PDB file of N, CA and C in Angstrom:
ATOM      1  N   MET A   1      80.770  76.090  72.147  1.00  0.00           N
ATOM      2  CA  MET A   1      81.512  75.280  71.298  1.00  0.00           C
ATOM      3  C   MET A   1      82.092  74.297  72.175  1.00  0.00           C
ATOM      4  N   ARG A   2      82.247  73.040  71.608  1.00  0.00           N
ATOM      5  CA  ARG A   2      82.790  71.983  72.308  1.00  0.00           C
ATOM      6  C   ARG A   2      83.910  71.383  71.569  1.00  0.00           C
ATOM      7  N   PHE A   3      84.995  71.192  72.356  1.00  0.00           N
ATOM      8  CA  PHE A   3      86.246  70.618  71.617  1.00  0.00           C
ATOM      9  C   PHE A   3      86.170  69.112  71.882  1.00  0.00           C
ATOM     10  N   TRP A   4      86.719  68.335  71.064  1.00  0.00           N
ATOM     11  CA  TRP A   4      86.769  66.920  71.057  1.00  0.00           C
ATOM     12  C   TRP A   4      88.249  66.571  70.817  1.00  0.00           C
ATOM     13  N   ALA A   5      88.714  65.362  71.563  1.00  0.00           N
ATOM     14  CA  ALA A   5      89.952  64.790  71.449  1.00  0.00           C
ATOM     15  C   ALA A   5      91.154  65.760  71.370  1.00  0.00           C
ATOM     16  N   GLY A   6      91.929  65.761  70.255  1.00  0.00           N
ATOM     17  CA  GLY A   6      93.010  66.708  70.214  1.00  0.00           C
ATOM     18  C   GLY A   6      92.647  68.121  70.280  1.00  0.00           C
ATOM     19  N   ALA A   7      91.674  68.459  69.884  1.00  0.00           N
ATOM     20  CA  ALA A   7      91.138  69.863  69.888  1.00  0.00           C
ATOM     21  C   ALA A   7      90.956  70.236  71.203  1.00  0.00           C
ATOM     22  N   GLN A   8      90.526  69.367  72.012  1.00  0.00           N
ATOM     23  CA  GLN A   8      90.246  69.552  73.580  1.00  0.00           C
ATOM     24  C   GLN A   8      91.640  69.798  74.351  1.00  0.00           C
ATOM     25  N   ARG A   9      92.562  68.986  73.906  1.00  0.00           N
ATOM     26  CA  ARG A   9      94.014  69.016  74.516  1.00  0.00           C
ATOM     27  C   ARG A   9      94.659  70.378  74.185  1.00  0.00           C
ATOM     28  N   ALA A  10      94.406  70.755  72.786  1.00  0.00           N
ATOM     29  CA  ALA A  10      95.156  71.939  72.216  1.00  0.00           C
ATOM     30  C   ALA A  10      94.531  73.076  72.830  1.00  0.00           C
ATOM     31  N   ALA A  11      93.110  73.094  73.195  1.00  0.00           N
ATOM     32  CA  ALA A  11      92.368  74.323  73.709  1.00  0.00           C
ATOM     33  C   ALA A  11      92.702  74.402  75.214  1.00  0.00           C
ATOM     34  N   GLY A  12      92.824  73.279  75.943  1.00  0.00           N
ATOM     35  CA  GLY A  12      93.107  73.252  77.366  1.00  0.00           C
ATOM     36  C   GLY A  12      91.720  73.265  77.927  1.00  0.00           C
ATOM     37  N   MET A  13      90.540  73.129  77.215  1.00  0.00           N
ATOM     38  CA  MET A  13      89.334  73.117  77.842  1.00  0.00           C
ATOM     39  C   MET A  13      88.394  72.298  77.045  1.00  0.00           C
ATOM     40  N   ALA A  14      87.222  71.982  77.514  1.00  0.00           N
ATOM     41  CA  ALA A  14      86.384  71.100  76.903  1.00  0.00           C
ATOM     42  C   ALA A  14      85.332  72.106  76.093  1.00  0.00           C
ATOM     43  N   GLU A  15      85.111  73.100  76.720  1.00  0.00           N
ATOM     44  CA  GLU A  15      83.981  74.163  76.026  1.00  0.00           C
ATOM     45  C   GLU A  15      84.411  75.394  76.111  1.00  0.00           C
ATOM     46  N   ASP A  16      83.989  76.276  75.282  1.00  0.00           N
ATOM     47  CA  ASP A  16      84.139  77.704  75.169  1.00  0.00           C
ATOM     48  C   ASP A  16      83.018  78.386  74.593  1.00  0.00           C
ATOM     49  N   THR A  17      82.725  79.608  74.860  1.00  0.00           N
ATOM     50  CA  THR A  17      81.778  80.451  74.266  1.00  0.00           C
ATOM     51  C   THR A  17      82.335  81.626  73.580  1.00  0.00           C
ATOM     52  N   VAL A  18      82.238  81.777  72.279  1.00  0.00           N
ATOM     53  CA  VAL A  18      82.783  82.865  71.546  1.00  0.00           C
ATOM     54  C   VAL A  18      81.419  83.258  70.528  1.00  0.00           C
ATOM     55  N   THR A  19      81.644  84.425  69.945  1.00  0.00           N
ATOM     56  CA  THR A  19      80.808  84.954  68.966  1.00  0.00           C
ATOM     57  C   THR A  19      81.401  85.174  67.561  1.00  0.00           C
ATOM     58  N   ALA A  20      80.680  84.351  66.668  1.00  0.00           N
ATOM     59  CA  ALA A  20      81.193  84.562  65.208  1.00  0.00           C
ATOM     60  C   ALA A  20      79.971  84.423  64.233  1.00  0.00           C
ATOM     61  N   GLU A  21      80.068  85.034  63.186  1.00  0.00           N
ATOM     62  CA  GLU A  21      78.920  84.969  62.086  1.00  0.00           C
ATOM     63  C   GLU A  21      78.979  83.657  61.256  1.00  0.00           C
ATOM     64  N   THR A  22      80.288  83.041  61.140  1.00  0.00           N
ATOM     65  CA  THR A  22      80.321  81.925  60.303  1.00  0.00           C
ATOM     66  C   THR A  22      81.383  80.947  60.818  1.00  0.00           C
ATOM     67  N   ILE A  23      81.394  79.703  60.371  1.00  0.00           N
ATOM     68  CA  ILE A  23      82.400  78.641  60.746  1.00  0.00           C
ATOM     69  C   ILE A  23      83.725  79.441  60.247  1.00  0.00           C
ATOM     70  N   GLY A  24      83.908  79.882  59.069  1.00  0.00           N
ATOM     71  CA  GLY A  24      85.080  80.562  58.667  1.00  0.00           C
ATOM     72  C   GLY A  24      85.767  81.598  59.626  1.00  0.00           C
ATOM     73  N   GLU A  25      84.774  82.411  60.282  1.00  0.00           N
ATOM     74  CA  GLU A  25      85.125  83.468  60.994  1.00  0.00           C
ATOM     75  C   GLU A  25      85.550  82.713  62.369  1.00  0.00           C
ATOM     76  N   LEU A  26      84.829  81.835  62.772  1.00  0.00           N
ATOM     77  CA  LEU A  26      85.305  81.123  64.017  1.00  0.00           C
ATOM     78  C   LEU A  26      86.668  80.308  63.761  1.00  0.00           C
ATOM     79  N   ARG A  27      86.877  79.632  62.611  1.00  0.00           N
ATOM     80  CA  ARG A  27      88.093  79.080  62.522  1.00  0.00           C
ATOM     81  C   ARG A  27      89.219  80.029  62.572  1.00  0.00           C
ATOM     82  N   ALA A  28      88.924  81.145  62.023  1.00  0.00           N
ATOM     83  CA  ALA A  28      89.997  82.312  61.843  1.00  0.00           C
ATOM     84  C   ALA A  28      90.311  82.659  63.496  1.00  0.00           C
ATOM     85  N   MET A  29      89.400  82.861  64.161  1.00  0.00           N
ATOM     86  CA  MET A  29      89.472  83.341  65.623  1.00  0.00           C
ATOM     87  C   MET A  29      90.324  82.116  66.269  1.00  0.00           C
ATOM     88  N   LEU A  30      89.795  80.970  66.145  1.00  0.00           N
ATOM     89  CA  LEU A  30      90.600  79.689  66.804  1.00  0.00           C
ATOM     90  C   LEU A  30      91.998  79.682  66.423  1.00  0.00           C
ATOM     91  N   ALA A  31      92.316  79.962  65.078  1.00  0.00           N
ATOM     92  CA  ALA A  31      93.718  79.948  64.547  1.00  0.00           C
ATOM     93  C   ALA A  31      94.690  80.903  65.275  1.00  0.00           C
ATOM     94  N   GLU A  32      94.087  81.960  65.864  1.00  0.00           N
ATOM     95  CA  GLU A  32      94.928  82.861  66.553  1.00  0.00           C
ATOM     96  C   GLU A  32      95.408  82.372  67.894  1.00  0.00           C
ATOM     97  N   ARG A  33      94.903  81.304  68.384  1.00  0.00           N
ATOM     98  CA  ARG A  33      95.408  80.646  69.601  1.00  0.00           C
ATOM     99  C   ARG A  33      96.450  79.509  68.995  1.00  0.00           C
ATOM    100  N   ALA A  34      97.713  79.787  69.539  1.00  0.00           N
ATOM    101  CA  ALA A  34      98.839  79.084  68.890  1.00  0.00           C
ATOM    102  C   ALA A  34      98.750  77.575  68.911  1.00  0.00           C
ATOM    103  N   LYS A  35      98.277  77.080  70.011  1.00  0.00           N
ATOM    104  CA  LYS A  35      98.134  75.491  70.006  1.00  0.00           C
ATOM    105  C   LYS A  35      97.044  75.053  69.241  1.00  0.00           C
ATOM    106  N   LEU A  36      96.007  75.939  68.906  1.00  0.00           N
ATOM    107  CA  LEU A  36      94.813  75.470  68.029  1.00  0.00           C
ATOM    108  C   LEU A  36      94.956  75.484  66.650  1.00  0.00           C
ATOM    109  N   ALA A  37      95.862  76.415  66.348  1.00  0.00           N
ATOM    110  CA  ALA A  37      96.126  76.753  64.847  1.00  0.00           C
ATOM    111  C   ALA A  37      96.195  75.461  64.006  1.00  0.00           C
ATOM    112  N   PRO A  38      97.098  74.548  64.422  1.00  0.00           N
ATOM    113  CA  PRO A  38      97.303  73.537  63.472  1.00  0.00           C
ATOM    114  C   PRO A  38      96.045  72.366  63.514  1.00  0.00           C
ATOM    115  N   VAL A  39      95.342  72.255  64.635  1.00  0.00           N
ATOM    116  CA  VAL A  39      94.209  71.572  64.645  1.00  0.00           C
ATOM    117  C   VAL A  39      93.109  72.226  63.811  1.00  0.00           C
ATOM    118  N   CYS A  40      92.887  73.522  63.890  1.00  0.00           N
ATOM    119  CA  CYS A  40      91.898  74.065  63.201  1.00  0.00           C
ATOM    120  C   CYS A  40      92.012  74.070  61.586  1.00  0.00           C
ATOM    121  N   ALA A  41      93.285  73.838  61.201  1.00  0.00           N
ATOM    122  CA  ALA A  41      93.507  73.813  59.959  1.00  0.00           C
ATOM    123  C   ALA A  41      92.892  72.533  59.169  1.00  0.00           C
ATOM    124  N   VAL A  42      92.816  71.443  59.924  1.00  0.00           N
ATOM    125  CA  VAL A  42      92.263  70.117  59.613  1.00  0.00           C
ATOM    126  C   VAL A  42      91.128  69.792  60.310  1.00  0.00           C
ATOM    127  N   ALA A  43      90.585  70.503  61.076  1.00  0.00           N
ATOM    128  CA  ALA A  43      89.406  70.114  61.834  1.00  0.00           C
ATOM    129  C   ALA A  43      88.173  70.045  61.048  1.00  0.00           C
ATOM    130  N   SER A  44      87.101  69.167  61.443  1.00  0.00           N
ATOM    131  CA  SER A  44      85.788  69.333  60.755  1.00  0.00           C
ATOM    132  C   SER A  44      85.037  69.998  61.947  1.00  0.00           C
ATOM    133  N   PHE A  45      83.845  70.602  61.552  1.00  0.00           N
ATOM    134  CA  PHE A  45      82.949  71.546  62.321  1.00  0.00           C
ATOM    135  C   PHE A  45      81.616  70.891  62.127  1.00  0.00           C
ATOM    136  N   LEU A  46      80.832  70.839  63.257  1.00  0.00           N
ATOM    137  CA  LEU A  46      79.315  70.424  63.266  1.00  0.00           C
ATOM    138  C   LEU A  46      78.651  71.632  63.967  1.00  0.00           C
ATOM    139  N   VAL A  47      77.678  72.004  63.363  1.00  0.00           N
ATOM    140  CA  VAL A  47      76.698  73.038  63.926  1.00  0.00           C
ATOM    141  C   VAL A  47      75.458  72.324  64.282  1.00  0.00           C
ATOM    142  N   ASP A  48      75.062  72.183  65.533  1.00  0.00           N
ATOM    143  CA  ASP A  48      73.861  71.616  66.071  1.00  0.00           C
ATOM    144  C   ASP A  48      73.754  70.172  65.370  1.00  0.00           C
ATOM    145  N   GLY A  49      75.005  69.491  65.337  1.00  0.00           N
ATOM    146  CA  GLY A  49      75.073  68.223  64.813  1.00  0.00           C
ATOM    147  C   GLY A  49      74.952  68.056  63.444  1.00  0.00           C
ATOM    148  N   ASP A  50      75.009  69.012  62.605  1.00  0.00           N
ATOM    149  CA  ASP A  50      75.173  68.909  61.108  1.00  0.00           C
ATOM    150  C   ASP A  50      76.534  69.371  60.661  1.00  0.00           C
ATOM    151  N   PRO A  51      77.064  68.594  59.670  1.00  0.00           N
ATOM    152  CA  PRO A  51      78.318  69.122  59.133  1.00  0.00           C
ATOM    153  C   PRO A  51      78.357  70.550  58.533  1.00  0.00           C
ATOM    154  N   ALA A  52      79.366  71.215  58.900  1.00  0.00           N
ATOM    155  CA  ALA A  52      79.498  72.670  58.442  1.00  0.00           C
ATOM    156  C   ALA A  52      80.706  72.811  57.630  1.00  0.00           C
ATOM    157  N   SER A  53      80.525  73.971  56.709  1.00  0.00           N
ATOM    158  CA  SER A  53      81.639  74.328  55.855  1.00  0.00           C
ATOM    159  C   SER A  53      81.915  75.861  56.363  1.00  0.00           C
ATOM    160  N   ASP A  54      82.958  76.271  55.988  1.00  0.00           N
ATOM    161  CA  ASP A  54      83.416  77.785  56.260  1.00  0.00           C
ATOM    162  C   ASP A  54      82.359  78.628  55.987  1.00  0.00           C
ATOM    163  N   THR A  55      81.435  78.524  54.965  1.00  0.00           N
ATOM    164  CA  THR A  55      80.410  79.454  54.801  1.00  0.00           C
ATOM    165  C   THR A  55      79.153  79.331  55.466  1.00  0.00           C
ATOM    166  N   THR A  56      79.012  78.272  56.458  1.00  0.00           N
ATOM    167  CA  THR A  56      77.880  78.102  57.113  1.00  0.00           C
ATOM    168  C   THR A  56      77.736  79.123  58.263  1.00  0.00           C
ATOM    169  N   THR A  57      76.442  79.805  58.164  1.00  0.00           N
ATOM    170  CA  THR A  57      76.016  80.829  59.221  1.00  0.00           C
ATOM    171  C   THR A  57      75.766  80.259  60.546  1.00  0.00           C
ATOM    172  N   LEU A  58      76.209  80.801  61.517  1.00  0.00           N
ATOM    173  CA  LEU A  58      76.008  80.237  62.896  1.00  0.00           C
ATOM    174  C   LEU A  58      74.918  81.084  63.614  1.00  0.00           C
ATOM    175  N   PRO A  59      73.773  80.460  63.787  1.00  0.00           N
ATOM    176  CA  PRO A  59      72.527  81.216  64.377  1.00  0.00           C
ATOM    177  C   PRO A  59      73.025  81.297  66.059  1.00  0.00           C
ATOM    178  N   ALA A  60      72.280  82.430  66.552  1.00  0.00           N
ATOM    179  CA  ALA A  60      72.436  82.392  67.908  1.00  0.00           C
ATOM    180  C   ALA A  60      72.337  81.287  68.761  1.00  0.00           C
ATOM    181  N   GLY A  61      73.114  80.969  69.706  1.00  0.00           N
ATOM    182  CA  GLY A  61      72.834  79.848  70.497  1.00  0.00           C
ATOM    183  C   GLY A  61      73.201  78.549  69.932  1.00  0.00           C
ATOM    184  N   ALA A  62      73.727  78.483  68.726  1.00  0.00           N
ATOM    185  CA  ALA A  62      74.265  77.300  68.156  1.00  0.00           C
ATOM    186  C   ALA A  62      75.274  76.460  68.831  1.00  0.00           C
ATOM    187  N   THR A  63      75.269  75.155  68.919  1.00  0.00           N
ATOM    188  CA  THR A  63      76.242  74.522  69.515  1.00  0.00           C
ATOM    189  C   THR A  63      77.179  73.984  68.176  1.00  0.00           C
ATOM    190  N   VAL A  64      78.571  74.337  68.397  1.00  0.00           N
ATOM    191  CA  VAL A  64      79.478  74.027  67.448  1.00  0.00           C
ATOM    192  C   VAL A  64      80.320  72.912  68.142  1.00  0.00           C
ATOM    193  N   ASP A  65      80.712  71.937  67.457  1.00  0.00           N
ATOM    194  CA  ASP A  65      81.675  70.813  67.720  1.00  0.00           C
ATOM    195  C   ASP A  65      82.784  70.901  66.754  1.00  0.00           C
ATOM    196  N   VAL A  66      83.984  70.877  67.609  1.00  0.00           N
ATOM    197  CA  VAL A  66      85.214  71.003  66.803  1.00  0.00           C
ATOM    198  C   VAL A  66      85.933  69.701  66.841  1.00  0.00           C
ATOM    199  N   LEU A  67      86.053  68.851  65.633  1.00  0.00           N
ATOM    200  CA  LEU A  67      86.462  67.657  65.644  1.00  0.00           C
ATOM    201  C   LEU A  67      87.747  67.494  64.919  1.00  0.00           C
ATOM    202  N   PRO A  68      88.856  67.051  65.459  1.00  0.00           N
ATOM    203  CA  PRO A  68      90.023  66.829  64.842  1.00  0.00           C
ATOM    204  C   PRO A  68      89.839  65.602  64.028  1.00  0.00           C
ATOM    205  N   PRO A  69      90.830  65.420  62.994  1.00  0.00           N
ATOM    206  CA  PRO A  69      90.798  63.990  62.402  1.00  0.00           C
ATOM    207  C   PRO A  69      91.153  62.968  63.409  1.00  0.00           C
ATOM    208  N   PHE A  70      90.277  61.782  63.343  1.00  0.00           N
ATOM    209  CA  PHE A  70      90.318  60.729  64.180  1.00  0.00           C
ATOM    210  C   PHE A  70      91.036  59.685  63.618  1.00  0.00           C
ATOM    211  N   ALA A  71      91.817  58.798  64.322  1.00  0.00           N
ATOM    212  CA  ALA A  71      92.335  57.704  63.704  1.00  0.00           C
ATOM    213  C   ALA A  71      91.700  56.545  64.230  1.00  0.00           C
ATOM    214  N   GLY A  72      91.598  55.382  63.644  1.00  0.00           N
ATOM    215  CA  GLY A  72      90.817  54.124  64.231  1.00  0.00           C
ATOM    216  C   GLY A  72      90.920  53.109  63.386  1.00  0.00           C
ATOM    217  N   GLY A  73      90.234  51.959  63.709  1.00  0.00           N
ATOM    218  CA  GLY A  73      90.465  50.802  62.802  1.00  0.00           C
ATOM    219  C   GLY A  73      89.500  49.880  63.239  1.00  0.00           C
TER     220      GLY A  73
END
């Protein structure tokens, strides 16, 4: 799993390895980390570069990107 922008700051690391069956399960696991909880509530997730929802299954070895909302213009 790779953390980007505010998610990386909240996690205190750029990457982590965890085991989860779905994005929903992963989101719940990350929400247990106090600083990541508010980020995970609004973050988007990509699985191997494709947008994912909470019901998306995570295949073994998948790369998950955690993307907080970005501001820009």
